């Protein structure tokens, strides 16, 4: 994984991270994986902000010994954390214009397009691409990251644009 995200496989020795001022910990219910993300990056998610960062009752919630448990079915956490960490000290991706311009989505997203490389395979069937992109849309909705949701929807729109009904029904 890149940036500051990492999977935590065991508890650190000592209790220096019992109440972390630097990181929050998220446990994915489906596979019990614990993820670590900087508090600063977590503020990019309205869900994490409300659940931990602005929650007056969360003095030990989101720590390594008491991680925030999320009930998200998708294996998109590495991407979500990478996205949030990427935009820590810079503005989020601007939401693409609607209707979508008739240019490649990589041109619309510019340098930020590299964040989305690999979320689906170019040689996948269109339906498979939609299924994969839908997991990222659902994750963006779960974490309440509006710009990410809008950008992934724009990626879907770019795949649909200029397709025939026959091409879309495959």
C-alpha atoms as a PDB file:
ATOM      1  CA  UNK A   1       0.000   0.000   0.000  1.00  0.00           C
ATOM      2  CA  UNK A   2       1.110   3.522  -0.602  1.00  0.00           C
ATOM      3  CA  UNK A   3       1.254   6.653   1.457  1.00  0.00           C
ATOM      4  CA  UNK A   4       0.378   6.294   5.155  1.00  0.00           C
ATOM      5  CA  UNK A   5      -2.203   3.552   4.899  1.00  0.00           C
ATOM      6  CA  UNK A   6      -1.324   0.171   6.234  1.00  0.00           C
ATOM      7  CA  UNK A   7      -2.912  -2.994   7.457  1.00  0.00           C
ATOM      8  CA  UNK A   8      -2.394  -3.657  11.141  1.00  0.00           C
ATOM      9  CA  UNK A   9      -1.970  -7.336  11.851  1.00  0.00           C
ATOM     10  CA  UNK A  10      -1.240  -7.110  15.565  1.00  0.00           C
ATOM     11  CA  UNK A  11      -1.417  -4.634  18.398  1.00  0.00           C
ATOM     12  CA  UNK A  12       1.637  -2.453  19.045  1.00  0.00           C
ATOM     13  CA  UNK A  13       3.568  -3.100  22.225  1.00  0.00           C
ATOM     14  CA  UNK A  14       2.756  -0.741  25.057  1.00  0.00           C
ATOM     15  CA  UNK A  15      -0.188   1.598  25.042  1.00  0.00           C
ATOM     16  CA  UNK A  16       1.311   4.612  23.340  1.00  0.00           C
ATOM     17  CA  UNK A  17      -1.355   4.231  20.646  1.00  0.00           C
ATOM     18  CA  UNK A  18      -4.314   3.613  22.951  1.00  0.00           C
ATOM     19  CA  UNK A  19      -5.453   7.141  22.149  1.00  0.00           C
ATOM     20  CA  UNK A  20      -3.712   8.154  18.977  1.00  0.00           C
ATOM     21  CA  UNK A  21      -3.482  11.829  18.130  1.00  0.00           C
ATOM     22  CA  UNK A  22      -2.029  11.027  14.722  1.00  0.00           C
ATOM     23  CA  UNK A  23      -3.956   8.034  13.363  1.00  0.00           C
ATOM     24  CA  UNK A  24      -7.345   6.433  13.507  1.00  0.00           C
ATOM     25  CA  UNK A  25      -7.950   2.721  13.128  1.00  0.00           C
ATOM     26  CA  UNK A  26     -10.773   1.152  11.153  1.00  0.00           C
ATOM     27  CA  UNK A  27     -11.731  -2.509  11.384  1.00  0.00           C
ATOM     28  CA  UNK A  28     -13.518  -3.990   8.414  1.00  0.00           C
ATOM     29  CA  UNK A  29     -16.181  -6.335   9.800  1.00  0.00           C
ATOM     30  CA  UNK A  30     -16.234  -8.655   6.765  1.00  0.00           C
ATOM     31  CA  UNK A  31     -12.622  -9.821   7.143  1.00  0.00           C
ATOM     32  CA  UNK A  32     -11.459  -8.325  10.478  1.00  0.00           C
ATOM     33  CA  UNK A  33      -8.721  -6.346   8.748  1.00  0.00           C
ATOM     34  CA  UNK A  34      -7.667  -3.255  10.697  1.00  0.00           C
ATOM     35  CA  UNK A  35      -6.611  -0.238   8.660  1.00  0.00           C
ATOM     36  CA  UNK A  36      -4.618   2.759   9.816  1.00  0.00           C
ATOM     37  CA  UNK A  37      -5.200   6.236   8.365  1.00  0.00           C
ATOM     38  CA  UNK A  38      -3.956   9.631   9.458  1.00  0.00           C
ATOM     39  CA  UNK A  39      -6.495  11.734  11.332  1.00  0.00           C
ATOM     40  CA  UNK A  40      -5.838  14.551   8.894  1.00  0.00           C
ATOM     41  CA  UNK A  41      -6.696  12.346   5.902  1.00  0.00           C
ATOM     42  CA  UNK A  42      -9.751  10.910   7.670  1.00  0.00           C
ATOM     43  CA  UNK A  43     -11.234  14.405   7.792  1.00  0.00           C
ATOM     44  CA  UNK A  44     -11.843  14.076   4.026  1.00  0.00           C
ATOM     45  CA  UNK A  45     -14.618  11.581   4.804  1.00  0.00           C
ATOM     46  CA  UNK A  46     -17.764  13.080   6.331  1.00  0.00           C
ATOM     47  CA  UNK A  47     -18.513   9.645   7.816  1.00  0.00           C
ATOM     48  CA  UNK A  48     -15.129   9.362   9.583  1.00  0.00           C
ATOM     49  CA  UNK A  49     -15.286  13.006  10.606  1.00  0.00           C
ATOM     50  CA  UNK A  50     -18.693  12.584  12.268  1.00  0.00           C
ATOM     51  CA  UNK A  51     -17.975   9.122  13.710  1.00  0.00           C
ATOM     52  CA  UNK A  52     -14.613   9.863  15.279  1.00  0.00           C
ATOM     53  CA  UNK A  53     -13.082  13.277  14.715  1.00  0.00           C
ATOM     54  CA  UNK A  54     -16.084  15.379  15.764  1.00  0.00           C
ATOM     55  CA  UNK A  55     -17.704  12.846  18.102  1.00  0.00           C
ATOM     56  CA  UNK A  56     -17.342  14.074  21.714  1.00  0.00           C
ATOM     57  CA  UNK A  57     -18.059  10.540  22.978  1.00  0.00           C
ATOM     58  CA  UNK A  58     -15.259   8.989  20.936  1.00  0.00           C
ATOM     59  CA  UNK A  59     -12.357   9.557  23.313  1.00  0.00           C
ATOM     60  CA  UNK A  60     -11.000   6.045  22.733  1.00  0.00           C
ATOM     61  CA  UNK A  61     -13.006   5.135  19.646  1.00  0.00           C
ATOM     62  CA  UNK A  62     -10.924   4.711  16.512  1.00  0.00           C
ATOM     63  CA  UNK A  63      -7.838   3.700  18.467  1.00  0.00           C
ATOM     64  CA  UNK A  64      -5.842   0.555  17.877  1.00  0.00           C
ATOM     65  CA  UNK A  65      -7.492  -1.158  20.856  1.00  0.00           C
ATOM     66  CA  UNK A  66     -10.990   0.067  19.942  1.00  0.00           C
ATOM     67  CA  UNK A  67     -11.083   0.577  16.155  1.00  0.00           C
ATOM     68  CA  UNK A  68     -14.084   1.964  14.315  1.00  0.00           C
ATOM     69  CA  UNK A  69     -15.900  -1.095  12.978  1.00  0.00           C
ATOM     70  CA  UNK A  70     -17.304  -0.658   9.497  1.00  0.00           C
ATOM     71  CA  UNK A  71     -19.803  -2.980   7.895  1.00  0.00           C
ATOM     72  CA  UNK A  72     -18.766  -2.418   4.302  1.00  0.00           C
ATOM     73  CA  UNK A  73     -18.799  -5.481   2.065  1.00  0.00           C
ATOM     74  CA  UNK A  74     -16.334  -4.233  -0.515  1.00  0.00           C
ATOM     75  CA  UNK A  75     -12.587  -4.670  -0.624  1.00  0.00           C
ATOM     76  CA  UNK A  76     -11.977  -1.042  -1.508  1.00  0.00           C
ATOM     77  CA  UNK A  77     -10.326   0.198   1.689  1.00  0.00           C
ATOM     78  CA  UNK A  78      -6.814   0.494   0.200  1.00  0.00           C
ATOM     79  CA  UNK A  79      -8.201   2.748  -2.532  1.00  0.00           C
ATOM     80  CA  UNK A  80     -10.334   4.835  -0.134  1.00  0.00           C
ATOM     81  CA  UNK A  81      -7.370   5.398   2.197  1.00  0.00           C
ATOM     82  CA  UNK A  82      -5.019   6.160  -0.711  1.00  0.00           C
ATOM     83  CA  UNK A  83      -7.558   8.684  -2.054  1.00  0.00           C
ATOM     84  CA  UNK A  84      -8.015  10.415   1.318  1.00  0.00           C
ATOM     85  CA  UNK A  85      -4.250  10.499   1.980  1.00  0.00           C
ATOM     86  CA  UNK A  86      -3.586  11.885  -1.515  1.00  0.00           C
ATOM     87  CA  UNK A  87      -5.750  14.950  -0.887  1.00  0.00           C
ATOM     88  CA  UNK A  88      -4.558  15.757   2.644  1.00  0.00           C
ATOM     89  CA  UNK A  89      -2.860  19.057   1.798  1.00  0.00           C
ATOM     90  CA  UNK A  90      -4.425  19.875  -1.542  1.00  0.00           C
ATOM     91  CA  UNK A  91      -7.898  20.539  -2.883  1.00  0.00           C
ATOM     92  CA  UNK A  92     -10.055  17.568  -3.823  1.00  0.00           C
ATOM     93  CA  UNK A  93     -10.651  16.649  -7.458  1.00  0.00           C
ATOM     94  CA  UNK A  94     -13.067  19.119  -9.019  1.00  0.00           C
ATOM     95  CA  UNK A  95     -16.331  17.483 -10.005  1.00  0.00           C
ATOM     96  CA  UNK A  96     -16.388  17.063 -13.806  1.00  0.00           C
ATOM     97  CA  UNK A  97     -18.779  19.215 -15.812  1.00  0.00           C
ATOM     98  CA  UNK A  98     -22.148  17.828 -16.772  1.00  0.00           C
ATOM     99  CA  UNK A  99     -22.787  16.821 -19.440  1.00  0.00           C
ATOM    100  CA  UNK A 100     -19.429  15.139 -19.672  1.00  0.00           C
ATOM    101  CA  UNK A 101     -17.134  16.595 -22.325  1.00  0.00           C
ATOM    102  CA  UNK A 102     -16.433  14.405 -25.320  1.00  0.00           C
ATOM    103  CA  UNK A 103     -12.788  13.765 -24.361  1.00  0.00           C
ATOM    104  CA  UNK A 104     -11.101  10.910 -22.545  1.00  0.00           C
ATOM    105  CA  UNK A 105     -11.704  10.890 -18.784  1.00  0.00           C
ATOM    106  CA  UNK A 106      -7.935  10.998 -18.223  1.00  0.00           C
ATOM    107  CA  UNK A 107      -7.882  14.461 -19.826  1.00  0.00           C
ATOM    108  CA  UNK A 108     -10.741  15.643 -17.606  1.00  0.00           C
ATOM    109  CA  UNK A 109      -9.098  14.371 -14.408  1.00  0.00           C
ATOM    110  CA  UNK A 110      -5.571  15.432 -15.379  1.00  0.00           C
ATOM    111  CA  UNK A 111      -2.806  14.357 -12.985  1.00  0.00           C
ATOM    112  CA  UNK A 112      -5.393  12.938 -10.581  1.00  0.00           C
ATOM    113  CA  UNK A 113      -6.294  10.237 -13.105  1.00  0.00           C
ATOM    114  CA  UNK A 114      -3.385   8.113 -11.859  1.00  0.00           C
ATOM    115  CA  UNK A 115      -5.325   7.492  -8.616  1.00  0.00           C
ATOM    116  CA  UNK A 116      -7.943   5.578 -10.587  1.00  0.00           C
ATOM    117  CA  UNK A 117      -5.656   3.395 -12.678  1.00  0.00           C
ATOM    118  CA  UNK A 118      -6.283  -0.236 -11.814  1.00  0.00           C
ATOM    119  CA  UNK A 119      -9.758   0.067 -10.293  1.00  0.00           C
ATOM    120  CA  UNK A 120     -10.935  -1.945 -13.303  1.00  0.00           C
ATOM    121  CA  UNK A 121      -9.155  -3.785 -16.088  1.00  0.00           C
ATOM    122  CA  UNK A 122      -9.294  -2.267 -19.566  1.00  0.00           C
ATOM    123  CA  UNK A 123      -9.857  -5.696 -21.121  1.00  0.00           C
ATOM    124  CA  UNK A 124     -12.856  -6.500 -18.866  1.00  0.00           C
ATOM    125  CA  UNK A 125     -16.302  -6.654 -20.422  1.00  0.00           C
ATOM    126  CA  UNK A 126     -18.337  -3.494 -19.942  1.00  0.00           C
ATOM    127  CA  UNK A 127     -20.633  -5.190 -17.407  1.00  0.00           C
ATOM    128  CA  UNK A 128     -17.645  -6.292 -15.311  1.00  0.00           C
ATOM    129  CA  UNK A 129     -16.257  -2.744 -15.376  1.00  0.00           C
ATOM    130  CA  UNK A 130     -19.629  -1.449 -14.167  1.00  0.00           C
ATOM    131  CA  UNK A 131     -19.707  -4.004 -11.335  1.00  0.00           C
ATOM    132  CA  UNK A 132     -16.211  -3.056 -10.201  1.00  0.00           C
ATOM    133  CA  UNK A 133     -16.878   0.678 -10.443  1.00  0.00           C
ATOM    134  CA  UNK A 134     -20.128   0.228  -8.524  1.00  0.00           C
ATOM    135  CA  UNK A 135     -18.170  -1.136  -5.531  1.00  0.00           C
ATOM    136  CA  UNK A 136     -16.123   2.066  -5.506  1.00  0.00           C
ATOM    137  CA  UNK A 137     -19.262   4.189  -5.853  1.00  0.00           C
ATOM    138  CA  UNK A 138     -20.843   2.353  -2.904  1.00  0.00           C
ATOM    139  CA  UNK A 139     -17.669   2.831  -0.849  1.00  0.00           C
ATOM    140  CA  UNK A 140     -17.587   6.549  -1.646  1.00  0.00           C
ATOM    141  CA  UNK A 141     -21.216   6.771  -0.537  1.00  0.00           C
ATOM    142  CA  UNK A 142     -20.495   4.747   2.633  1.00  0.00           C
ATOM    143  CA  UNK A 143     -17.652   7.065   3.615  1.00  0.00           C
ATOM    144  CA  UNK A 144     -19.590  10.114   2.407  1.00  0.00           C
ATOM    145  CA  UNK A 145     -16.916  11.419   0.044  1.00  0.00           C
ATOM    146  CA  UNK A 146     -18.990  13.437  -2.435  1.00  0.00           C
ATOM    147  CA  UNK A 147     -16.270  14.371  -4.922  1.00  0.00           C
ATOM    148  CA  UNK A 148     -15.032  10.782  -5.154  1.00  0.00           C
ATOM    149  CA  UNK A 149     -18.589   9.592  -5.762  1.00  0.00           C
ATOM    150  CA  UNK A 150     -19.097  12.175  -8.517  1.00  0.00           C
ATOM    151  CA  UNK A 151     -15.762  11.402 -10.183  1.00  0.00           C
ATOM    152  CA  UNK A 152     -16.382   7.647 -10.281  1.00  0.00           C
ATOM    153  CA  UNK A 153     -19.842   8.306 -11.713  1.00  0.00           C
ATOM    154  CA  UNK A 154     -18.125  10.437 -14.377  1.00  0.00           C
ATOM    155  CA  UNK A 155     -15.801   7.504 -15.134  1.00  0.00           C
ATOM    156  CA  UNK A 156     -18.890   5.299 -15.595  1.00  0.00           C
ATOM    157  CA  UNK A 157     -20.439   7.971 -17.826  1.00  0.00           C
ATOM    158  CA  UNK A 158     -17.266   8.079 -19.912  1.00  0.00           C
ATOM    159  CA  UNK A 159     -17.528   4.322 -20.464  1.00  0.00           C
ATOM    160  CA  UNK A 160     -21.163   4.653 -21.545  1.00  0.00           C
ATOM    161  CA  UNK A 161     -20.742   7.714 -23.720  1.00  0.00           C
ATOM    162  CA  UNK A 162     -21.044   7.024 -27.445  1.00  0.00           C
ATOM    163  CA  UNK A 163     -21.968   3.357 -26.938  1.00  0.00           C
ATOM    164  CA  UNK A 164     -24.834   1.772 -28.817  1.00  0.00           C
ATOM    165  CA  UNK A 165     -27.672  -0.060 -27.091  1.00  0.00           C
ATOM    166  CA  UNK A 166     -26.169  -3.315 -28.354  1.00  0.00           C
ATOM    167  CA  UNK A 167     -22.796  -2.505 -26.824  1.00  0.00           C
ATOM    168  CA  UNK A 168     -24.407  -1.619 -23.491  1.00  0.00           C
ATOM    169  CA  UNK A 169     -26.508  -4.750 -23.305  1.00  0.00           C
ATOM    170  CA  UNK A 170     -23.498  -7.090 -23.386  1.00  0.00           C
END
